[in-house]
């Protein structure tokens, strides 16, 4: 009895970078809306003054900067995560197979 060992590679998985664009767009939109909110609040507070107003706006700006940093981090990670996921799927898309066979002798007709 003989045997043959082979590794069969399945068709590569599709690249997911194009799918990460939707998430990146949502994060960019969040950043844009956050910026618009800060600008609106700044306009509203322009005619006001005082320690509470100043401290509140300072805290708002700090919060906005932290949110921007988080959003930018997520945006930069999206392509990296999509690449890693695609690579992991492609690494699993192979199968080791073993084929067992028997050799049968065939006699020539007389």
PDB file of N, CA and C in Angstrom:
ATOM      1  N   UNK A   1       0.849  -1.168   0.000  1.00  0.00           N
ATOM      2  CA  UNK A   1       0.000   0.000   0.000  1.00  0.00           C
ATOM      3  C   UNK A   1       0.896   1.233   0.000  1.00  0.00           C
ATOM      4  N   UNK A   2       0.594   2.186  -0.872  1.00  0.00           N
ATOM      5  CA  UNK A   2       1.364   3.416  -0.948  1.00  0.00           C
ATOM      6  C   UNK A   2       0.580   4.597  -0.397  1.00  0.00           C
ATOM      7  N   UNK A   3       1.278   5.655  -0.246  1.00  0.00           N
ATOM      8  CA  UNK A   3       0.594   6.860   0.207  1.00  0.00           C
ATOM      9  C   UNK A   3       1.310   8.092  -0.341  1.00  0.00           C
ATOM     10  N   UNK A   4       0.523   9.151  -0.499  1.00  0.00           N
ATOM     11  CA  UNK A   4       1.037  10.436  -0.962  1.00  0.00           C
ATOM     12  C   UNK A   4       0.580  11.491   0.041  1.00  0.00           C
ATOM     13  N   UNK A   5       1.499  12.320   0.499  1.00  0.00           N
ATOM     14  CA  UNK A   5       1.164  13.419   1.405  1.00  0.00           C
ATOM     15  C   UNK A   5       1.301  14.737   0.654  1.00  0.00           C
ATOM     16  N   UNK A   6       0.281  15.547   0.732  1.00  0.00           N
ATOM     17  CA  UNK A   6       0.280  16.846   0.065  1.00  0.00           C
ATOM     18  C   UNK A   6      -0.373  17.884   0.980  1.00  0.00           C
ATOM     19  N   UNK A   7      -0.077  19.146   0.706  1.00  0.00           N
ATOM     20  CA  UNK A   7      -0.775  20.259   1.364  1.00  0.00           C
ATOM     21  C   UNK A   7      -1.555  20.983   0.287  1.00  0.00           C
ATOM     22  N   UNK A   8      -2.863  21.066   0.495  1.00  0.00           N
ATOM     23  CA  UNK A   8      -3.732  21.734  -0.467  1.00  0.00           C
ATOM     24  C   UNK A   8      -4.013  23.148   0.033  1.00  0.00           C
ATOM     25  N   UNK A   9      -3.736  24.131  -0.804  1.00  0.00           N
ATOM     26  CA  UNK A   9      -4.027  25.525  -0.453  1.00  0.00           C
ATOM     27  C   UNK A   9      -5.337  25.939  -1.119  1.00  0.00           C
ATOM     28  N   UNK A  10      -6.253  26.414  -0.290  1.00  0.00           N
ATOM     29  CA  UNK A  10      -7.513  26.919  -0.799  1.00  0.00           C
ATOM     30  C   UNK A  10      -7.303  28.312  -1.381  1.00  0.00           C
ATOM     31  N   UNK A  11      -8.298  28.790  -2.095  1.00  0.00           N
ATOM     32  CA  UNK A  11      -8.228  30.122  -2.684  1.00  0.00           C
ATOM     33  C   UNK A  11      -8.022  31.166  -1.582  1.00  0.00           C
ATOM     34  N   UNK A  12      -7.155  32.156  -1.791  1.00  0.00           N
ATOM     35  CA  UNK A  12      -6.903  33.169  -0.751  1.00  0.00           C
ATOM     36  C   UNK A  12      -8.169  33.935  -0.374  1.00  0.00           C
ATOM     37  N   UNK A  13      -8.236  34.302   0.880  1.00  0.00           N
ATOM     38  CA  UNK A  13      -9.349  35.078   1.398  1.00  0.00           C
ATOM     39  C   UNK A  13      -9.246  36.493   0.863  1.00  0.00           C
ATOM     40  N   UNK A  14     -10.387  37.154   0.670  1.00  0.00           N
ATOM     41  CA  UNK A  14     -10.358  38.514   0.143  1.00  0.00           C
ATOM     42  C   UNK A  14      -9.731  39.475   1.143  1.00  0.00           C
ATOM     43  N   UNK A  15      -9.133  40.513   0.619  1.00  0.00           N
ATOM     44  CA  UNK A  15      -8.514  41.539   1.453  1.00  0.00           C
ATOM     45  C   UNK A  15      -9.618  42.366   2.111  1.00  0.00           C
ATOM     46  N   UNK A  16      -9.471  42.662   3.395  1.00  0.00           N
ATOM     47  CA  UNK A  16     -10.511  43.371   4.126  1.00  0.00           C
ATOM     48  C   UNK A  16     -10.255  44.869   4.263  1.00  0.00           C
ATOM     49  N   UNK A  17      -9.213  45.388   3.617  1.00  0.00           N
ATOM     50  CA  UNK A  17      -8.932  46.819   3.745  1.00  0.00           C
ATOM     51  C   UNK A  17     -10.104  47.666   3.266  1.00  0.00           C
ATOM     52  N   UNK A  18     -10.758  47.222   2.200  1.00  0.00           N
ATOM     53  CA  UNK A  18     -11.887  48.005   1.690  1.00  0.00           C
ATOM     54  C   UNK A  18     -13.035  48.022   2.698  1.00  0.00           C
ATOM     55  N   UNK A  19     -13.163  46.981   3.512  1.00  0.00           N
ATOM     56  CA  UNK A  19     -14.220  46.952   4.516  1.00  0.00           C
ATOM     57  C   UNK A  19     -13.885  47.852   5.700  1.00  0.00           C
ATOM     58  N   UNK A  20     -12.616  48.068   5.974  1.00  0.00           N
ATOM     59  CA  UNK A  20     -12.251  48.940   7.086  1.00  0.00           C
ATOM     60  C   UNK A  20     -12.541  50.404   6.756  1.00  0.00           C
ATOM     61  N   UNK A  21     -12.691  50.737   5.482  1.00  0.00           N
ATOM     62  CA  UNK A  21     -12.961  52.123   5.087  1.00  0.00           C
ATOM     63  C   UNK A  21     -14.271  52.617   5.692  1.00  0.00           C
ATOM     64  N   UNK A  22     -15.271  51.746   5.796  1.00  0.00           N
ATOM     65  CA  UNK A  22     -16.549  52.138   6.382  1.00  0.00           C
ATOM     66  C   UNK A  22     -16.365  52.541   7.845  1.00  0.00           C
ATOM     67  N   UNK A  23     -15.601  51.748   8.594  1.00  0.00           N
ATOM     68  CA  UNK A  23     -15.354  52.077   9.993  1.00  0.00           C
ATOM     69  C   UNK A  23     -14.534  53.355  10.116  1.00  0.00           C
ATOM     70  N   UNK A  24     -13.520  53.497   9.263  1.00  0.00           N
ATOM     71  CA  UNK A  24     -12.690  54.691   9.308  1.00  0.00           C
ATOM     72  C   UNK A  24     -13.519  55.937   9.021  1.00  0.00           C
ATOM     73  N   UNK A  25     -14.442  55.831   8.083  1.00  0.00           N
ATOM     74  CA  UNK A  25     -15.311  56.960   7.762  1.00  0.00           C
ATOM     75  C   UNK A  25     -16.151  57.345   8.979  1.00  0.00           C
ATOM     76  N   UNK A  26     -16.675  56.354   9.700  1.00  0.00           N
ATOM     77  CA  UNK A  26     -17.486  56.637  10.883  1.00  0.00           C
ATOM     78  C   UNK A  26     -16.649  57.345  11.958  1.00  0.00           C
ATOM     79  N   UNK A  27     -15.423  56.896  12.158  1.00  0.00           N
ATOM     80  CA  UNK A  27     -14.551  57.554  13.129  1.00  0.00           C
ATOM     81  C   UNK A  27     -14.233  58.986  12.706  1.00  0.00           C
ATOM     82  N   UNK A  28     -13.959  59.176  11.414  1.00  0.00           N
ATOM     83  CA  UNK A  28     -13.682  60.527  10.912  1.00  0.00           C
ATOM     84  C   UNK A  28     -14.887  61.441  11.113  1.00  0.00           C
ATOM     85  N   UNK A  29     -16.075  60.895  10.891  1.00  0.00           N
ATOM     86  CA  UNK A  29     -17.307  61.661  11.087  1.00  0.00           C
ATOM     87  C   UNK A  29     -17.469  62.045  12.563  1.00  0.00           C
ATOM     88  N   UNK A  30     -17.165  61.125  13.475  1.00  0.00           N
ATOM     89  CA  UNK A  30     -17.224  61.430  14.903  1.00  0.00           C
ATOM     90  C   UNK A  30     -16.270  62.573  15.244  1.00  0.00           C
ATOM     91  N   UNK A  31     -15.073  62.523  14.701  1.00  0.00           N
ATOM     92  CA  UNK A  31     -14.099  63.588  14.947  1.00  0.00           C
ATOM     93  C   UNK A  31     -14.572  64.929  14.415  1.00  0.00           C
ATOM     94  N   UNK A  32     -15.147  64.929  13.227  1.00  0.00           N
ATOM     95  CA  UNK A  32     -15.646  66.164  12.618  1.00  0.00           C
ATOM     96  C   UNK A  32     -16.784  66.743  13.444  1.00  0.00           C
ATOM     97  N   UNK A  33     -17.715  65.897  13.869  1.00  0.00           N
ATOM     98  CA  UNK A  33     -18.845  66.373  14.669  1.00  0.00           C
ATOM     99  C   UNK A  33     -18.389  66.891  16.035  1.00  0.00           C
ATOM    100  N   UNK A  34     -17.396  66.240  16.616  1.00  0.00           N
ATOM    101  CA  UNK A  34     -16.854  66.714  17.882  1.00  0.00           C
ATOM    102  C   UNK A  34     -16.243  68.093  17.743  1.00  0.00           C
ATOM    103  N   UNK A  35     -15.514  68.297  16.649  1.00  0.00           N
ATOM    104  CA  UNK A  35     -14.900  69.606  16.391  1.00  0.00           C
ATOM    105  C   UNK A  35     -15.987  70.674  16.213  1.00  0.00           C
ATOM    106  N   UNK A  36     -17.039  70.346  15.448  1.00  0.00           N
ATOM    107  CA  UNK A  36     -18.133  71.303  15.243  1.00  0.00           C
ATOM    108  C   UNK A  36     -18.802  71.653  16.566  1.00  0.00           C
ATOM    109  N   UNK A  37     -18.956  70.665  17.446  1.00  0.00           N
ATOM    110  CA  UNK A  37     -19.566  70.920  18.745  1.00  0.00           C
ATOM    111  C   UNK A  37     -18.706  71.887  19.568  1.00  0.00           C
ATOM    112  N   UNK A  38     -17.413  71.670  19.593  1.00  0.00           N
ATOM    113  CA  UNK A  38     -16.514  72.548  20.345  1.00  0.00           C
ATOM    114  C   UNK A  38     -16.580  73.971  19.790  1.00  0.00           C
ATOM    115  N   UNK A  39     -16.623  74.110  18.466  1.00  0.00           N
ATOM    116  CA  UNK A  39     -16.692  75.444  17.870  1.00  0.00           C
ATOM    117  C   UNK A  39     -18.020  76.130  18.211  1.00  0.00           C
ATOM    118  N   UNK A  40     -19.118  75.382  18.217  1.00  0.00           N
ATOM    119  CA  UNK A  40     -20.428  75.947  18.583  1.00  0.00           C
ATOM    120  C   UNK A  40     -20.428  76.420  20.027  1.00  0.00           C
ATOM    121  N   UNK A  41     -19.881  75.601  20.906  1.00  0.00           N
ATOM    122  CA  UNK A  41     -19.839  75.972  22.326  1.00  0.00           C
ATOM    123  C   UNK A  41     -18.949  77.186  22.527  1.00  0.00           C
ATOM    124  N   UNK A  42     -17.837  77.238  21.803  1.00  0.00           N
ATOM    125  CA  UNK A  42     -16.941  78.392  21.914  1.00  0.00           C
ATOM    126  C   UNK A  42     -17.650  79.669  21.496  1.00  0.00           C
ATOM    127  N   UNK A  43     -18.440  79.612  20.412  1.00  0.00           N
ATOM    128  CA  UNK A  43     -19.201  80.789  19.968  1.00  0.00           C
ATOM    129  C   UNK A  43     -20.216  81.211  21.024  1.00  0.00           C
ATOM    130  N   UNK A  44     -20.881  80.239  21.620  1.00  0.00           N
ATOM    131  CA  UNK A  44     -21.878  80.547  22.641  1.00  0.00           C
ATOM    132  C   UNK A  44     -21.241  81.171  23.876  1.00  0.00           C
ATOM    133  N   UNK A  45     -20.065  80.698  24.226  1.00  0.00           N
ATOM    134  CA  UNK A  45     -19.403  81.188  25.436  1.00  0.00           C
ATOM    135  C   UNK A  45     -18.605  82.479  25.204  1.00  0.00           C
ATOM    136  N   UNK A  46     -18.489  82.905  23.951  1.00  0.00           N
ATOM    137  CA  UNK A  46     -17.685  84.097  23.638  1.00  0.00           C
ATOM    138  C   UNK A  46     -18.196  85.327  24.373  1.00  0.00           C
ATOM    139  N   UNK A  47     -19.483  85.412  24.572  1.00  0.00           N
ATOM    140  CA  UNK A  47     -20.050  86.592  25.240  1.00  0.00           C
ATOM    141  C   UNK A  47     -20.092  86.433  26.761  1.00  0.00           C
ATOM    142  N   UNK A  48     -19.689  85.274  27.247  1.00  0.00           N
ATOM    143  CA  UNK A  48     -19.695  85.016  28.690  1.00  0.00           C
ATOM    144  C   UNK A  48     -18.278  85.060  29.227  1.00  0.00           C
ATOM    145  N   UNK A  49     -18.180  85.288  30.516  1.00  0.00           N
ATOM    146  CA  UNK A  49     -16.867  85.266  31.146  1.00  0.00           C
ATOM    147  C   UNK A  49     -17.024  84.814  32.588  1.00  0.00           C
ATOM    148  N   UNK A  50     -15.920  84.505  33.171  1.00  0.00           N
ATOM    149  CA  UNK A  50     -15.947  84.069  34.553  1.00  0.00           C
ATOM    150  C   UNK A  50     -15.146  82.796  34.727  1.00  0.00           C
ATOM    151  N   UNK A  51     -14.851  82.530  35.959  1.00  0.00           N
ATOM    152  CA  UNK A  51     -14.015  81.368  36.269  1.00  0.00           C
ATOM    153  C   UNK A  51     -14.692  80.053  35.892  1.00  0.00           C
ATOM    154  N   UNK A  52     -15.971  79.913  36.177  1.00  0.00           N
ATOM    155  CA  UNK A  52     -16.686  78.666  35.867  1.00  0.00           C
ATOM    156  C   UNK A  52     -16.733  78.444  34.357  1.00  0.00           C
ATOM    157  N   UNK A  53     -17.010  79.504  33.612  1.00  0.00           N
ATOM    158  CA  UNK A  53     -17.065  79.403  32.148  1.00  0.00           C
ATOM    159  C   UNK A  53     -15.692  79.018  31.607  1.00  0.00           C
ATOM    160  N   UNK A  54     -14.658  79.694  32.087  1.00  0.00           N
ATOM    161  CA  UNK A  54     -13.299  79.411  31.608  1.00  0.00           C
ATOM    162  C   UNK A  54     -12.863  77.985  31.937  1.00  0.00           C
ATOM    163  N   UNK A  55     -13.126  77.538  33.157  1.00  0.00           N
ATOM    164  CA  UNK A  55     -12.740  76.181  33.565  1.00  0.00           C
ATOM    165  C   UNK A  55     -13.546  75.120  32.819  1.00  0.00           C
ATOM    166  N   UNK A  56     -14.814  75.410  32.598  1.00  0.00           N
ATOM    167  CA  UNK A  56     -15.664  74.466  31.851  1.00  0.00           C
ATOM    168  C   UNK A  56     -15.171  74.307  30.418  1.00  0.00           C
ATOM    169  N   UNK A  57     -14.844  75.442  29.785  1.00  0.00           N
ATOM    170  CA  UNK A  57     -14.367  75.372  28.404  1.00  0.00           C
ATOM    171  C   UNK A  57     -12.999  74.702  28.335  1.00  0.00           C
ATOM    172  N   UNK A  58     -12.159  74.961  29.314  1.00  0.00           N
ATOM    173  CA  UNK A  58     -10.845  74.318  29.366  1.00  0.00           C
ATOM    174  C   UNK A  58     -11.009  72.796  29.490  1.00  0.00           C
ATOM    175  N   UNK A  59     -11.932  72.349  30.341  1.00  0.00           N
ATOM    176  CA  UNK A  59     -12.191  70.904  30.497  1.00  0.00           C
ATOM    177  C   UNK A  59     -12.760  70.318  29.207  1.00  0.00           C
ATOM    178  N   UNK A  60     -13.631  71.076  28.538  1.00  0.00           N
ATOM    179  CA  UNK A  60     -14.186  70.621  27.260  1.00  0.00           C
ATOM    180  C   UNK A  60     -13.097  70.443  26.219  1.00  0.00           C
ATOM    181  N   UNK A  61     -12.171  71.394  26.117  1.00  0.00           N
ATOM    182  CA  UNK A  61     -11.068  71.284  25.155  1.00  0.00           C
ATOM    183  C   UNK A  61     -10.179  70.082  25.461  1.00  0.00           C
ATOM    184  N   UNK A  62      -9.893  69.862  26.737  1.00  0.00           N
ATOM    185  CA  UNK A  62      -9.069  68.710  27.124  1.00  0.00           C
ATOM    186  C   UNK A  62      -9.772  67.400  26.732  1.00  0.00           C
ATOM    187  N   UNK A  63     -11.063  67.335  27.007  1.00  0.00           N
ATOM    188  CA  UNK A  63     -11.842  66.147  26.649  1.00  0.00           C
ATOM    189  C   UNK A  63     -11.848  65.946  25.142  1.00  0.00           C
ATOM    190  N   UNK A  64     -11.995  67.031  24.400  1.00  0.00           N
ATOM    191  CA  UNK A  64     -12.013  66.951  22.933  1.00  0.00           C
ATOM    192  C   UNK A  64     -10.665  66.448  22.402  1.00  0.00           C
ATOM    193  N   UNK A  65      -9.562  66.947  22.952  1.00  0.00           N
ATOM    194  CA  UNK A  65      -8.231  66.487  22.527  1.00  0.00           C
ATOM    195  C   UNK A  65      -8.045  64.997  22.798  1.00  0.00           C
ATOM    196  N   UNK A  66      -8.499  64.546  23.953  1.00  0.00           N
ATOM    197  CA  UNK A  66      -8.381  63.119  24.284  1.00  0.00           C
ATOM    198  C   UNK A  66      -9.214  62.277  23.327  1.00  0.00           C
ATOM    199  N   UNK A  67     -10.432  62.737  23.023  1.00  0.00           N
ATOM    200  CA  UNK A  67     -11.281  62.005  22.075  1.00  0.00           C
ATOM    201  C   UNK A  67     -10.663  61.969  20.682  1.00  0.00           C
ATOM    202  N   UNK A  68     -10.087  63.079  20.238  1.00  0.00           N
ATOM    203  CA  UNK A  68      -9.414  63.107  18.936  1.00  0.00           C
ATOM    204  C   UNK A  68      -8.267  62.108  18.891  1.00  0.00           C
ATOM    205  N   UNK A  69      -7.516  62.052  19.973  1.00  0.00           N
ATOM    206  CA  UNK A  69      -6.392  61.115  20.040  1.00  0.00           C
ATOM    207  C   UNK A  69      -6.882  59.667  19.949  1.00  0.00           C
ATOM    208  N   UNK A  70      -7.944  59.356  20.655  1.00  0.00           N
ATOM    209  CA  UNK A  70      -8.504  57.999  20.615  1.00  0.00           C
ATOM    210  C   UNK A  70      -9.022  57.677  19.216  1.00  0.00           C
ATOM    211  N   UNK A  71      -9.758  58.606  18.624  1.00  0.00           N
ATOM    212  CA  UNK A  71     -10.319  58.389  17.282  1.00  0.00           C
ATOM    213  C   UNK A  71      -9.199  58.190  16.263  1.00  0.00           C
ATOM    214  N   UNK A  72      -8.160  59.031  16.323  1.00  0.00           N
ATOM    215  CA  UNK A  72      -7.041  58.888  15.387  1.00  0.00           C
ATOM    216  C   UNK A  72      -6.325  57.558  15.582  1.00  0.00           C
ATOM    217  N   UNK A  73      -6.228  57.097  16.813  1.00  0.00           N
ATOM    218  CA  UNK A  73      -5.638  55.785  17.083  1.00  0.00           C
ATOM    219  C   UNK A  73      -6.441  54.666  16.443  1.00  0.00           C
ATOM    220  N   UNK A  74      -7.757  54.747  16.571  1.00  0.00           N
ATOM    221  CA  UNK A  74      -8.607  53.729  15.957  1.00  0.00           C
ATOM    222  C   UNK A  74      -8.501  53.756  14.437  1.00  0.00           C
ATOM    223  N   UNK A  75      -8.479  54.957  13.880  1.00  0.00           N
ATOM    224  CA  UNK A  75      -8.381  55.071  12.424  1.00  0.00           C
ATOM    225  C   UNK A  75      -7.075  54.432  11.931  1.00  0.00           C
ATOM    226  N   UNK A  76      -5.980  54.709  12.610  1.00  0.00           N
ATOM    227  CA  UNK A  76      -4.699  54.156  12.158  1.00  0.00           C
ATOM    228  C   UNK A  76      -4.611  52.647  12.375  1.00  0.00           C
ATOM    229  N   UNK A  77      -5.375  52.121  13.312  1.00  0.00           N
ATOM    230  CA  UNK A  77      -5.341  50.682  13.586  1.00  0.00           C
ATOM    231  C   UNK A  77      -6.220  49.869  12.631  1.00  0.00           C
ATOM    232  N   UNK A  78      -7.183  50.497  11.978  1.00  0.00           N
ATOM    233  CA  UNK A  78      -8.140  49.747  11.165  1.00  0.00           C
ATOM    234  C   UNK A  78      -7.461  48.939  10.046  1.00  0.00           C
ATOM    235  N   UNK A  79      -6.563  49.556   9.289  1.00  0.00           N
ATOM    236  CA  UNK A  79      -5.884  48.828   8.207  1.00  0.00           C
ATOM    237  C   UNK A  79      -5.001  47.722   8.768  1.00  0.00           C
ATOM    238  N   UNK A  80      -4.330  48.002   9.869  1.00  0.00           N
ATOM    239  CA  UNK A  80      -3.467  47.003  10.492  1.00  0.00           C
ATOM    240  C   UNK A  80      -4.278  45.788  10.946  1.00  0.00           C
ATOM    241  N   UNK A  81      -5.401  46.032  11.570  1.00  0.00           N
ATOM    242  CA  UNK A  81      -6.253  44.934  12.041  1.00  0.00           C
ATOM    243  C   UNK A  81      -6.818  44.147  10.857  1.00  0.00           C
ATOM    244  N   UNK A  82      -7.233  44.852   9.804  1.00  0.00           N
ATOM    245  CA  UNK A  82      -7.756  44.166   8.620  1.00  0.00           C
ATOM    246  C   UNK A  82      -6.674  43.295   7.985  1.00  0.00           C
ATOM    247  N   UNK A  83      -5.440  43.803   7.908  1.00  0.00           N
ATOM    248  CA  UNK A  83      -4.331  43.014   7.363  1.00  0.00           C
ATOM    249  C   UNK A  83      -4.070  41.762   8.204  1.00  0.00           C
ATOM    250  N   UNK A  84      -4.042  41.934   9.512  1.00  0.00           N
ATOM    251  CA  UNK A  84      -3.793  40.783  10.397  1.00  0.00           C
ATOM    252  C   UNK A  84      -4.889  39.736  10.273  1.00  0.00           C
ATOM    253  N   UNK A  85      -6.128  40.187  10.231  1.00  0.00           N
ATOM    254  CA  UNK A  85      -7.248  39.253  10.109  1.00  0.00           C
ATOM    255  C   UNK A  85      -7.160  38.486   8.791  1.00  0.00           C
ATOM    256  N   UNK A  86      -6.916  39.192   7.697  1.00  0.00           N
ATOM    257  CA  UNK A  86      -6.793  38.533   6.393  1.00  0.00           C
ATOM    258  C   UNK A  86      -5.658  37.522   6.409  1.00  0.00           C
ATOM    259  N   UNK A  87      -4.535  37.894   7.006  1.00  0.00           N
ATOM    260  CA  UNK A  87      -3.385  36.987   7.071  1.00  0.00           C
ATOM    261  C   UNK A  87      -3.716  35.744   7.893  1.00  0.00           C
ATOM    262  N   UNK A  88      -4.384  35.931   9.026  1.00  0.00           N
ATOM    263  CA  UNK A  88      -4.765  34.772   9.845  1.00  0.00           C
ATOM    264  C   UNK A  88      -5.696  33.839   9.097  1.00  0.00           C
ATOM    265  N   UNK A  89      -6.659  34.391   8.392  1.00  0.00           N
ATOM    266  CA  UNK A  89      -7.587  33.558   7.617  1.00  0.00           C
ATOM    267  C   UNK A  89      -6.830  32.830   6.516  1.00  0.00           C
ATOM    268  N   UNK A  90      -5.941  33.528   5.812  1.00  0.00           N
ATOM    269  CA  UNK A  90      -5.177  32.889   4.743  1.00  0.00           C
ATOM    270  C   UNK A  90      -4.245  31.803   5.276  1.00  0.00           C
ATOM    271  N   UNK A  91      -3.699  32.006   6.474  1.00  0.00           N
ATOM    272  CA  UNK A  91      -2.838  30.979   7.069  1.00  0.00           C
ATOM    273  C   UNK A  91      -3.613  29.701   7.369  1.00  0.00           C
ATOM    274  N   UNK A  92      -4.882  29.835   7.665  1.00  0.00           N
ATOM    275  CA  UNK A  92      -5.701  28.662   7.978  1.00  0.00           C
ATOM    276  C   UNK A  92      -6.294  28.013   6.726  1.00  0.00           C
ATOM    277  N   UNK A  93      -6.098  28.600   5.585  1.00  0.00           N
ATOM    278  CA  UNK A  93      -6.727  28.099   4.372  1.00  0.00           C
ATOM    279  C   UNK A  93      -5.851  27.087   3.644  1.00  0.00           C
ATOM    280  N   UNK A  94      -5.295  26.183   4.394  1.00  0.00           N
ATOM    281  CA  UNK A  94      -4.585  25.076   3.774  1.00  0.00           C
ATOM    282  C   UNK A  94      -4.924  23.811   4.540  1.00  0.00           C
ATOM    283  N   UNK A  95      -4.894  22.704   3.849  1.00  0.00           N
ATOM    284  CA  UNK A  95      -5.271  21.431   4.435  1.00  0.00           C
ATOM    285  C   UNK A  95      -4.241  20.386   4.041  1.00  0.00           C
ATOM    286  N   UNK A  96      -3.711  19.696   5.033  1.00  0.00           N
ATOM    287  CA  UNK A  96      -2.822  18.578   4.734  1.00  0.00           C
ATOM    288  C   UNK A  96      -3.687  17.368   4.408  1.00  0.00           C
ATOM    289  N   UNK A  97      -3.358  16.713   3.319  1.00  0.00           N
ATOM    290  CA  UNK A  97      -4.121  15.520   2.940  1.00  0.00           C
ATOM    291  C   UNK A  97      -3.158  14.362   2.698  1.00  0.00           C
ATOM    292  N   UNK A  98      -3.641  13.195   2.988  1.00  0.00           N
ATOM    293  CA  UNK A  98      -2.887  11.969   2.728  1.00  0.00           C
ATOM    294  C   UNK A  98      -3.778  11.058   1.894  1.00  0.00           C
ATOM    295  N   UNK A  99      -3.247  10.609   0.797  1.00  0.00           N
ATOM    296  CA  UNK A  99      -3.989   9.694  -0.077  1.00  0.00           C
ATOM    297  C   UNK A  99      -3.330   8.322   0.031  1.00  0.00           C
ATOM    298  N   UNK A 100      -4.119   7.339   0.423  1.00  0.00           N
ATOM    299  CA  UNK A 100      -3.641   5.957   0.500  1.00  0.00           C
ATOM    300  C   UNK A 100      -4.149   5.223  -0.740  1.00  0.00           C
ATOM    301  N   UNK A 101      -3.297   4.403  -1.302  1.00  0.00           N
ATOM    302  CA  UNK A 101      -3.703   3.677  -2.501  1.00  0.00           C
ATOM    303  C   UNK A 101      -3.060   2.298  -2.506  1.00  0.00           C
ATOM    304  N   UNK A 102      -3.692   1.401  -3.269  1.00  0.00           N
ATOM    305  CA  UNK A 102      -3.136   0.060  -3.470  1.00  0.00           C
ATOM    306  C   UNK A 102      -2.766  -0.050  -4.936  1.00  0.00           C
ATOM    307  N   UNK A 103      -1.656  -0.657  -5.164  1.00  0.00           N
ATOM    308  CA  UNK A 103      -1.223  -0.892  -6.532  1.00  0.00           C
ATOM    309  C   UNK A 103      -1.794  -2.237  -6.965  1.00  0.00           C
ATOM    310  N   UNK A 104      -2.470  -2.220  -8.081  1.00  0.00           N
ATOM    311  CA  UNK A 104      -3.058  -3.439  -8.620  1.00  0.00           C
ATOM    312  C   UNK A 104      -2.321  -3.787  -9.899  1.00  0.00           C
ATOM    313  N   UNK A 105      -1.851  -5.021  -9.970  1.00  0.00           N
ATOM    314  CA  UNK A 105      -1.180  -5.450 -11.185  1.00  0.00           C
ATOM    315  C   UNK A 105      -2.218  -5.875 -12.209  1.00  0.00           C
ATOM    316  N   UNK A 106      -2.076  -5.377 -13.386  1.00  0.00           N
ATOM    317  CA  UNK A 106      -2.988  -5.746 -14.470  1.00  0.00           C
ATOM    318  C   UNK A 106      -2.172  -6.551 -15.470  1.00  0.00           C
ATOM    319  N   UNK A 107      -2.663  -7.730 -15.741  1.00  0.00           N
ATOM    320  CA  UNK A 107      -1.950  -8.561 -16.713  1.00  0.00           C
ATOM    321  C   UNK A 107      -2.429  -8.236 -18.108  1.00  0.00           C
ATOM    322  N   UNK A 108      -1.513  -8.294 -19.043  1.00  0.00           N
ATOM    323  CA  UNK A 108      -1.838  -7.983 -20.435  1.00  0.00           C
ATOM    324  C   UNK A 108      -2.646  -9.134 -20.999  1.00  0.00           C
ATOM    325  N   UNK A 109      -3.640  -8.807 -21.833  1.00  0.00           N
ATOM    326  CA  UNK A 109      -4.438  -9.883 -22.460  1.00  0.00           C
ATOM    327  C   UNK A 109      -3.593 -10.728 -23.418  1.00  0.00           C
ATOM    328  N   UNK A 110      -3.922 -11.991 -23.467  1.00  0.00           N
ATOM    329  CA  UNK A 110      -3.156 -12.923 -24.317  1.00  0.00           C
ATOM    330  C   UNK A 110      -3.689 -13.018 -25.690  1.00  0.00           C
TER     331      UNK A 110
END
